[in-house]
Amino acid sequence: MMTSRTIPPLKAALIGCGSVSQRGVLPHLACADARERVQLVAVVDAVAERARLSAEKFGVPRWFSDMDDMLAETDVDMVLVITPIQHHFENAMAAIAAGKHVYVQKSMTTTLDEANRLLAARDAAGVKLVAAPGFDLFPTTAHMRDIVRSGLIGRIGFGYTYAWGFGHEFERVRGGDDALTNINPLWYYRKGAGPLPDVTIYSLQLATSILGPVVKVTALGNKLTPVRTWRDQAVEIEVEDNVVLLMEFASGAIVTGVGSDSAGSRRNPWGAIGLYGTRGALEVTVVDGATGYPLAFDVYGGGGWGTFGQEVGHRTYEQPLTAQPYLRGEHLELEEGHLYVDIMELADAIVEDRAPRATGEQARHVVEIIECANRAMAIGQTQYLTTSF
């Protein structure tokens, strides 16, 4: 993070003024410290009234209902793509074609082919791209990775992750009467979306940040709630909302991922991970509710017979959310803090002219994991990945 700035704020445009933007991105970017670094000069939404009201509420100079019009009429350095997942690719490609740096919400694209084309366009244009969620931007991730790589707990055999939930129709931004509080959630249940790219992706991003690339995937899934209702409108979902996938990593570790619209756990924090090795184990014990990032984890020894590895002992590692350089003051009270972190990472990467740490290559690998899981569910066969990072 830059300690001083002698240049004007970067100019940004936000594409998509829906739930995540209302609850997280727009409030964060409206804070005084954010405005010193990133100046939001335009918002775009397909619902013109939502774009207008968002600009008015958060003090943004211009609003548009068409992204091409915004790019043609507004001078911006970076574009924040926060539209439904099915539109990420086309929105990000349009921004790159206009020579803009890009932040893309999760998941980066709906298919591996889209991800390959997006990264090729990024490289050809010479722009920077940050893809959410950036687990490597939080120090706890690096600490867990270092412990695993050190061999302290031996070779990882099994891992468990947990990220439940998919009831977007119940979010508080859905129950009002104006364009800012009457936001249709039904796109979550269409092809290209679903719990894997929307919820389970947090587990996939964290697990790959610690363990590295995946080599093969299998999965089972079904429809737990096949009909959803929003404002008396019933819709049959097009995606499985009850999924368990199994990943084998290049290291040999076998790790689960869960995407289910079912009850939460009192024992396992949302977004947590447990890794179990030949000499001991690592288990996340505290996850920050506003960001979804681990804040504390335990490491303890003992192999399968209860004696091997006991010398590892039992210790707890804790790092406050403020160990991450971007979250301070009022940002700690706002929702979706990880989105602000990702956006500030892009801003610093632009100013410092360096590669972002939340890479498109890892995001592409996670997109392929999701694609392989969907294919495995459909045909009942284990799928082999082609990408790495």
Protein backbone atom coordinates (compact mmCIF):
# COMPACT_ATOMS: atom_id res chain seq x y z
CA MET A 1 0.00 0.00 0.00
CA MET A 2 1.32 3.44 -0.86
CA THR A 3 2.08 5.58 2.19
CA SER A 4 1.75 8.91 0.45
CA ARG A 5 0.14 10.08 -2.76
CA THR A 6 1.27 13.00 -4.84
CA ILE A 7 -1.01 12.25 -7.78
CA PRO A 8 -4.72 12.96 -8.22
CA PRO A 9 -7.24 10.22 -7.37
CA LEU A 10 -7.81 7.61 -10.03
CA LYS A 11 -11.12 8.02 -11.84
CA ALA A 12 -13.44 5.02 -11.69
CA ALA A 13 -16.77 3.95 -13.16
CA LEU A 14 -18.98 1.36 -11.49
CA ILE A 15 -21.03 -1.01 -13.66
CA GLY A 16 -23.96 -2.55 -11.80
CA CYS A 17 -25.79 -0.80 -8.94
CA GLY A 18 -27.45 -3.88 -7.45
CA SER A 19 -27.35 -5.48 -4.03
CA VAL A 20 -23.57 -5.75 -3.54
CA SER A 21 -22.99 -2.20 -4.72
CA GLN A 22 -25.71 -0.78 -2.47
CA ARG A 23 -24.62 -2.71 0.62
CA GLY A 24 -20.87 -2.53 0.12
CA VAL A 25 -19.07 -0.92 -2.78
CA LEU A 26 -20.83 2.43 -2.98
CA PRO A 27 -20.74 3.10 0.81
CA HIS A 28 -17.03 2.22 0.95
CA LEU A 29 -16.12 4.42 -2.02
CA ALA A 30 -18.11 7.31 -0.54
CA CYS A 31 -15.80 7.44 2.50
CA ALA A 32 -13.40 10.38 2.63
CA ASP A 33 -10.23 8.28 2.64
CA ALA A 34 -11.43 6.29 -0.37
CA ARG A 35 -12.20 9.47 -2.32
CA GLU A 36 -8.59 10.59 -1.82
CA ARG A 37 -7.47 7.58 -3.81
CA VAL A 38 -10.35 6.59 -6.08
CA GLN A 39 -12.89 9.09 -7.38
CA LEU A 40 -16.09 7.47 -8.59
CA VAL A 41 -17.15 9.63 -11.54
CA ALA A 42 -19.91 7.49 -13.09
CA VAL A 43 -22.30 4.66 -12.31
CA VAL A 44 -24.09 2.46 -14.83
CA ASP A 45 -27.10 0.21 -14.43
CA ALA A 46 -29.52 -1.32 -16.91
CA VAL A 47 -32.30 0.08 -14.72
CA ALA A 48 -31.93 3.79 -15.42
CA GLU A 49 -33.75 4.87 -12.24
CA ARG A 50 -31.41 2.75 -10.13
CA ALA A 51 -28.39 4.37 -11.75
CA ARG A 52 -29.84 7.84 -11.21
CA LEU A 53 -30.76 7.26 -7.57
CA SER A 54 -27.38 5.66 -6.86
CA ALA A 55 -25.53 8.65 -8.29
CA GLU A 56 -27.72 11.01 -6.27
CA LYS A 57 -27.38 9.07 -3.00
CA PHE A 58 -23.61 8.62 -3.16
CA GLY A 59 -22.58 11.89 -4.78
CA VAL A 60 -21.46 10.50 -8.14
CA PRO A 61 -21.35 13.15 -10.91
CA ARG A 62 -22.78 11.10 -13.80
CA TRP A 63 -25.04 8.12 -14.35
CA PHE A 64 -25.84 5.98 -17.38
CA SER A 65 -28.03 3.06 -18.37
CA ASP A 66 -25.62 1.93 -21.10
CA MET A 67 -21.97 1.03 -20.57
CA ASP A 68 -20.92 1.96 -24.10
CA ASP A 69 -22.35 5.45 -23.64
CA MET A 70 -20.42 5.83 -20.40
CA LEU A 71 -17.14 4.74 -22.00
CA ALA A 72 -17.68 7.11 -24.90
CA GLU A 73 -18.52 10.12 -22.75
CA THR A 74 -16.50 9.71 -19.53
CA ASP A 75 -12.78 9.80 -18.84
CA VAL A 76 -11.97 6.96 -16.42
CA ASP A 77 -8.86 5.01 -15.43
CA MET A 78 -10.57 1.93 -14.03
CA VAL A 79 -13.89 0.13 -14.40
CA LEU A 80 -15.51 -1.85 -11.57
CA VAL A 81 -17.61 -4.70 -12.96
CA ILE A 82 -20.26 -5.60 -10.36
CA THR A 83 -23.03 -6.87 -12.60
CA PRO A 84 -24.68 -10.33 -12.49
CA ILE A 85 -22.14 -13.08 -13.13
CA GLN A 86 -23.55 -13.80 -16.59
CA HIS A 87 -22.50 -10.28 -17.71
CA HIS A 88 -18.99 -10.13 -16.22
CA PHE A 89 -17.25 -11.25 -19.40
CA GLU A 90 -18.92 -8.84 -21.80
CA ASN A 91 -18.60 -5.90 -19.37
CA ALA A 92 -14.93 -6.57 -18.61
CA MET A 93 -14.10 -7.08 -22.29
CA ALA A 94 -15.75 -3.77 -23.18
CA ALA A 95 -13.71 -1.97 -20.53
CA ILE A 96 -10.47 -3.58 -21.68
CA ALA A 97 -11.25 -2.75 -25.31
CA ALA A 98 -11.51 0.88 -24.19
CA GLY A 99 -8.07 0.63 -22.55
CA LYS A 100 -9.30 0.66 -18.94
CA HIS A 101 -7.99 -1.26 -15.96
CA VAL A 102 -10.63 -3.63 -14.58
CA TYR A 103 -11.90 -5.04 -11.30
CA VAL A 104 -14.24 -8.01 -11.79
CA GLN A 105 -16.52 -9.37 -9.09
CA LYS A 106 -16.70 -13.11 -8.50
CA SER A 107 -16.76 -15.29 -10.32
CA MET A 108 -14.63 -13.67 -13.00
CA THR A 109 -16.49 -15.37 -15.88
CA THR A 110 -18.99 -18.18 -16.38
CA THR A 111 -16.72 -20.42 -18.50
CA LEU A 112 -13.05 -21.25 -18.95
CA ASP A 113 -13.20 -20.13 -22.57
CA GLU A 114 -14.40 -16.68 -21.47
CA ALA A 115 -11.65 -16.52 -18.85
CA ASN A 116 -8.98 -17.40 -21.42
CA ARG A 117 -10.24 -14.74 -23.81
CA LEU A 118 -10.46 -12.14 -21.06
CA LEU A 119 -6.87 -12.66 -19.91
CA ALA A 120 -5.63 -12.64 -23.50
CA ALA A 121 -7.40 -9.32 -24.06
CA ARG A 122 -5.89 -7.95 -20.83
CA ASP A 123 -2.39 -8.86 -21.95
CA ALA A 124 -2.88 -7.50 -25.46
CA ALA A 125 -4.17 -4.18 -24.10
CA GLY A 126 -1.49 -3.91 -21.42
CA VAL A 127 -4.01 -3.16 -18.66
CA LYS A 128 -4.32 -4.55 -15.14
CA LEU A 129 -7.08 -6.79 -13.89
CA VAL A 130 -8.03 -7.71 -10.32
CA ALA A 131 -10.46 -10.57 -9.80
CA ALA A 132 -12.42 -11.20 -6.61
CA PRO A 133 -12.17 -12.54 -4.01
CA GLY A 134 -8.55 -11.65 -3.21
CA PHE A 135 -7.67 -13.90 -0.29
CA ASP A 136 -3.96 -13.20 -0.78
CA LEU A 137 -4.64 -9.61 0.27
CA PHE A 138 -5.21 -10.75 3.86
CA PRO A 139 -2.13 -11.70 5.95
CA THR A 140 -3.79 -14.72 7.57
CA THR A 141 -3.83 -16.48 4.20
CA ALA A 142 -0.07 -16.17 3.75
CA HIS A 143 0.47 -17.31 7.34
CA MET A 144 -1.56 -20.47 6.79
CA ARG A 145 0.20 -21.14 3.50
CA ASP A 146 3.62 -20.74 5.13
CA ILE A 147 2.71 -23.23 7.86
CA VAL A 148 1.50 -25.78 5.32
CA ARG A 149 4.59 -25.34 3.13
CA SER A 150 6.92 -25.57 6.13
CA GLY A 151 5.86 -29.17 6.70
CA LEU A 152 5.01 -28.47 10.34
CA ILE A 153 1.82 -30.52 10.17
CA GLY A 154 3.19 -32.97 7.61
CA ARG A 155 1.72 -33.77 4.24
CA ILE A 156 -1.90 -32.63 3.92
CA GLY A 157 -4.20 -35.56 3.25
CA PHE A 158 -7.68 -34.10 3.62
CA GLY A 159 -9.32 -30.72 3.84
CA TYR A 160 -12.80 -29.43 4.60
CA THR A 161 -14.29 -26.09 3.67
CA TYR A 162 -17.70 -24.64 4.45
CA ALA A 163 -19.62 -21.82 2.74
CA TRP A 164 -23.35 -22.36 3.00
CA GLY A 165 -26.28 -20.20 1.90
CA PHE A 166 -27.99 -19.04 -1.26
CA GLY A 167 -31.18 -17.25 -0.25
CA HIS A 168 -30.65 -13.95 -2.02
CA GLU A 169 -34.36 -13.17 -2.26
CA PHE A 170 -34.31 -12.52 1.50
CA GLU A 171 -31.68 -9.75 1.43
CA ARG A 172 -32.87 -6.47 2.90
CA VAL A 173 -32.34 -4.60 -0.41
CA ARG A 174 -35.16 -6.62 -1.95
CA GLY A 175 -38.10 -5.52 0.19
CA GLY A 176 -38.63 -1.84 -0.59
CA ASP A 177 -40.58 0.09 -3.17
CA ASP A 178 -37.99 2.19 -5.00
CA ALA A 179 -35.28 1.16 -7.46
CA LEU A 180 -32.62 0.93 -4.73
CA THR A 181 -34.61 -1.45 -2.52
CA ASN A 182 -36.60 -3.39 -5.10
CA ILE A 183 -33.77 -5.31 -6.73
CA ASN A 184 -34.75 -8.52 -8.52
CA PRO A 185 -32.58 -11.47 -7.32
CA LEU A 186 -33.77 -14.11 -9.75
CA TRP A 187 -30.66 -13.97 -11.94
CA TYR A 188 -28.85 -15.94 -9.21
CA TYR A 189 -30.93 -18.99 -10.15
CA ARG A 190 -30.27 -18.89 -13.90
CA LYS A 191 -27.62 -20.74 -15.88
CA GLY A 192 -24.19 -19.25 -15.35
CA ALA A 193 -24.88 -18.39 -11.72
CA GLY A 194 -25.77 -20.59 -8.75
CA PRO A 195 -24.06 -21.34 -5.43
CA LEU A 196 -20.76 -22.54 -6.91
CA PRO A 197 -19.71 -19.24 -8.55
CA ASP A 198 -21.52 -17.10 -5.99
CA VAL A 199 -20.87 -18.76 -2.61
CA THR A 200 -18.59 -21.79 -2.86
CA ILE A 201 -16.07 -19.67 -4.74
CA TYR A 202 -14.87 -18.28 -1.40
CA SER A 203 -13.85 -21.77 -0.33
CA LEU A 204 -12.25 -22.51 -3.68
CA GLN A 205 -10.27 -19.28 -3.65
CA LEU A 206 -9.07 -19.81 -0.08
CA ALA A 207 -8.15 -23.47 -0.58
CA THR A 208 -6.18 -22.76 -3.75
CA SER A 209 -4.48 -19.76 -2.12
CA ILE A 210 -3.13 -22.09 0.57
CA LEU A 211 -2.62 -25.36 -1.28
CA GLY A 212 -2.03 -24.28 -4.88
CA PRO A 213 -3.61 -25.69 -8.04
CA VAL A 214 -6.20 -28.45 -8.38
CA VAL A 215 -5.69 -31.33 -10.83
CA LYS A 216 -9.08 -33.06 -10.79
CA VAL A 217 -12.64 -32.53 -9.58
CA THR A 218 -15.78 -34.53 -9.05
CA ALA A 219 -19.15 -33.45 -7.66
CA LEU A 220 -22.71 -34.38 -6.76
CA GLY A 221 -25.61 -31.96 -6.73
CA ASN A 222 -29.38 -31.58 -6.82
CA LYS A 223 -32.11 -28.99 -6.40
CA LEU A 224 -33.01 -28.55 -2.76
CA THR A 225 -35.53 -25.75 -3.38
CA PRO A 226 -36.51 -26.12 -7.05
CA VAL A 227 -38.99 -23.23 -6.99
CA ARG A 228 -38.08 -19.82 -5.55
CA THR A 229 -40.45 -16.94 -4.90
CA TRP A 230 -39.83 -13.22 -4.93
CA ARG A 231 -42.64 -10.65 -4.64
CA ASP A 232 -45.24 -13.34 -5.46
CA GLN A 233 -43.30 -14.29 -8.58
CA ALA A 234 -42.44 -17.99 -8.65
CA VAL A 235 -39.53 -19.22 -10.74
CA GLU A 236 -38.09 -22.67 -11.32
CA ILE A 237 -34.36 -22.58 -10.68
CA GLU A 238 -32.03 -23.65 -13.49
CA VAL A 239 -29.04 -24.58 -11.31
CA GLU A 240 -28.33 -27.05 -8.53
CA ASP A 241 -28.56 -25.37 -5.13
CA ASN A 242 -27.27 -28.34 -3.11
CA VAL A 243 -23.75 -29.25 -4.22
CA VAL A 244 -20.76 -31.03 -2.72
CA LEU A 245 -17.56 -31.16 -4.74
CA LEU A 246 -14.30 -32.97 -4.16
CA MET A 247 -10.97 -31.60 -5.38
CA GLU A 248 -7.62 -33.35 -5.63
CA PHE A 249 -4.74 -30.88 -5.51
CA ALA A 250 -1.38 -31.26 -7.21
CA SER A 251 0.05 -31.74 -3.71
CA GLY A 252 -2.14 -34.83 -3.23
CA ALA A 253 -4.53 -33.20 -0.76
CA ILE A 254 -8.22 -34.02 -1.23
CA VAL A 255 -10.54 -31.17 -0.19
CA THR A 256 -14.31 -30.72 -0.10
CA GLY A 257 -16.34 -27.71 -1.16
CA VAL A 258 -19.99 -27.09 -0.29
CA GLY A 259 -22.59 -24.94 -2.03
CA SER A 260 -25.94 -25.51 -0.36
CA ASP A 261 -28.89 -23.35 0.58
CA SER A 262 -29.13 -25.09 3.93
CA ALA A 263 -28.64 -24.19 7.59
CA GLY A 264 -25.39 -22.80 8.89
CA SER A 265 -23.10 -24.52 11.35
CA ARG A 266 -22.47 -23.50 14.96
CA ARG A 267 -19.19 -25.43 14.94
CA ASN A 268 -17.71 -24.44 11.58
CA PRO A 269 -17.51 -20.70 10.77
CA TRP A 270 -18.78 -19.66 7.36
CA GLY A 271 -15.78 -19.45 5.02
CA ALA A 272 -13.56 -21.57 7.25
CA ILE A 273 -11.14 -24.32 6.25
CA GLY A 274 -9.69 -27.31 8.06
CA LEU A 275 -6.55 -29.06 6.79
CA TYR A 276 -5.43 -32.41 8.19
CA GLY A 277 -1.89 -33.65 7.71
CA THR A 278 0.30 -36.58 8.71
CA ARG A 279 1.73 -34.74 11.73
CA GLY A 280 -1.07 -32.39 12.73
CA ALA A 281 -3.95 -30.18 11.68
CA LEU A 282 -4.83 -26.55 10.94
CA GLU A 283 -8.35 -25.29 11.57
CA VAL A 284 -9.76 -21.81 11.11
CA THR A 285 -11.66 -20.77 14.23
CA VAL A 286 -12.69 -17.15 13.56
CA VAL A 287 -13.92 -15.58 10.33
CA ASP A 288 -14.78 -11.89 10.03
CA GLY A 289 -18.46 -11.55 9.24
CA ALA A 290 -18.16 -8.42 7.12
CA THR A 291 -15.40 -9.67 4.83
CA GLY A 292 -15.54 -13.46 4.99
CA TYR A 293 -11.80 -13.65 5.69
CA PRO A 294 -10.18 -15.84 8.38
CA LEU A 295 -8.83 -13.96 11.39
CA ALA A 296 -7.68 -16.80 13.66
CA PHE A 297 -6.71 -20.43 13.32
CA ASP A 298 -5.41 -23.27 15.48
CA VAL A 299 -2.52 -25.59 14.71
CA TYR A 300 -2.20 -28.77 16.74
CA GLY A 301 -0.18 -31.96 16.46
CA GLY A 302 -0.95 -35.65 16.49
CA GLY A 303 -1.08 -38.12 13.62
CA GLY A 304 -3.60 -40.83 12.97
CA TRP A 305 -2.40 -42.90 15.97
CA GLY A 306 -2.45 -39.97 18.38
CA THR A 307 1.29 -39.86 19.18
CA PHE A 308 3.11 -39.16 15.93
CA GLY A 309 3.44 -35.40 15.53
CA GLN A 310 2.63 -34.53 19.13
CA GLU A 311 5.76 -32.36 19.21
CA VAL A 312 3.86 -29.86 17.04
CA GLY A 313 1.97 -28.85 20.18
CA HIS A 314 -1.12 -26.65 20.12
CA ARG A 315 -1.00 -22.97 19.30
CA THR A 316 -3.42 -20.29 18.15
CA TYR A 317 -2.56 -17.67 15.55
CA GLU A 318 -4.60 -14.46 15.46
CA GLN A 319 -4.41 -11.40 13.23
CA PRO A 320 -6.90 -8.52 13.49
CA LEU A 321 -8.70 -7.28 10.42
CA THR A 322 -6.60 -4.12 10.61
CA ALA A 323 -3.52 -6.19 9.72
CA GLN A 324 -4.88 -5.69 6.21
CA PRO A 325 -3.73 -2.21 5.14
CA TYR A 326 -6.90 -0.88 3.50
CA LEU A 327 -9.53 -1.44 6.18
CA ARG A 328 -9.55 1.34 8.74
CA GLY A 329 -12.08 3.49 10.56
CA GLU A 330 -15.58 3.46 9.15
CA HIS A 331 -14.69 0.77 6.61
CA LEU A 332 -14.67 -1.70 9.49
CA GLU A 333 -18.36 -0.97 10.11
CA LEU A 334 -19.51 -1.39 6.51
CA GLU A 335 -20.58 -4.59 4.74
CA GLU A 336 -18.55 -6.34 2.04
CA GLY A 337 -15.19 -4.99 3.17
CA HIS A 338 -13.35 -7.47 0.96
CA LEU A 339 -14.72 -5.75 -2.14
CA TYR A 340 -13.18 -2.47 -1.03
CA VAL A 341 -9.88 -4.27 -0.41
CA ASP A 342 -9.90 -5.75 -3.93
CA ILE A 343 -10.64 -2.35 -5.49
CA MET A 344 -7.90 -0.60 -3.52
CA GLU A 345 -5.48 -3.34 -4.56
CA LEU A 346 -6.23 -2.51 -8.20
CA ALA A 347 -5.72 1.20 -7.49
CA ASP A 348 -2.32 0.59 -5.89
CA ALA A 349 -1.27 -1.80 -8.65
CA ILE A 350 -2.04 0.92 -11.21
CA VAL A 351 -0.21 3.67 -9.33
CA GLU A 352 2.78 1.46 -8.48
CA ASP A 353 2.77 -0.14 -11.94
CA ARG A 354 3.01 -3.67 -10.58
CA ALA A 355 1.14 -6.91 -11.02
CA PRO A 356 -1.96 -7.24 -8.82
CA ARG A 357 -1.87 -9.85 -6.09
CA ALA A 358 -5.49 -10.92 -6.72
CA THR A 359 -4.65 -12.44 -10.08
CA GLY A 360 -6.74 -13.25 -13.08
CA GLU A 361 -4.82 -16.50 -13.43
CA GLN A 362 -6.02 -17.83 -10.08
CA ALA A 363 -9.53 -16.60 -10.84
CA ARG A 364 -9.42 -18.48 -14.17
CA HIS A 365 -8.33 -21.66 -12.36
CA VAL A 366 -11.28 -21.34 -9.98
CA VAL A 367 -13.64 -20.78 -12.93
CA GLU A 368 -12.36 -24.06 -14.38
CA ILE A 369 -12.91 -25.85 -11.06
CA ILE A 370 -16.54 -24.70 -11.13
CA GLU A 371 -16.94 -25.66 -14.79
CA CYS A 372 -15.47 -29.12 -14.10
CA ALA A 373 -17.74 -29.59 -11.07
CA ASN A 374 -20.80 -28.76 -13.16
CA ARG A 375 -19.69 -31.21 -15.85
CA ALA A 376 -18.99 -33.90 -13.27
CA MET A 377 -22.50 -33.47 -11.86
CA ALA A 378 -23.98 -33.73 -15.34
CA ILE A 379 -22.16 -36.84 -16.57
CA GLY A 380 -21.00 -38.53 -13.37
CA GLN A 381 -17.30 -38.58 -14.22
CA THR A 382 -14.23 -37.05 -12.62
CA GLN A 383 -12.89 -34.07 -14.57
CA TYR A 384 -9.23 -33.14 -15.12
CA LEU A 385 -8.19 -29.49 -15.12
CA THR A 386 -6.07 -27.88 -17.82
CA THR A 387 -5.08 -24.64 -16.06
CA SER A 388 -2.74 -23.76 -13.22
CA PHE A 389 -1.52 -20.53 -11.64
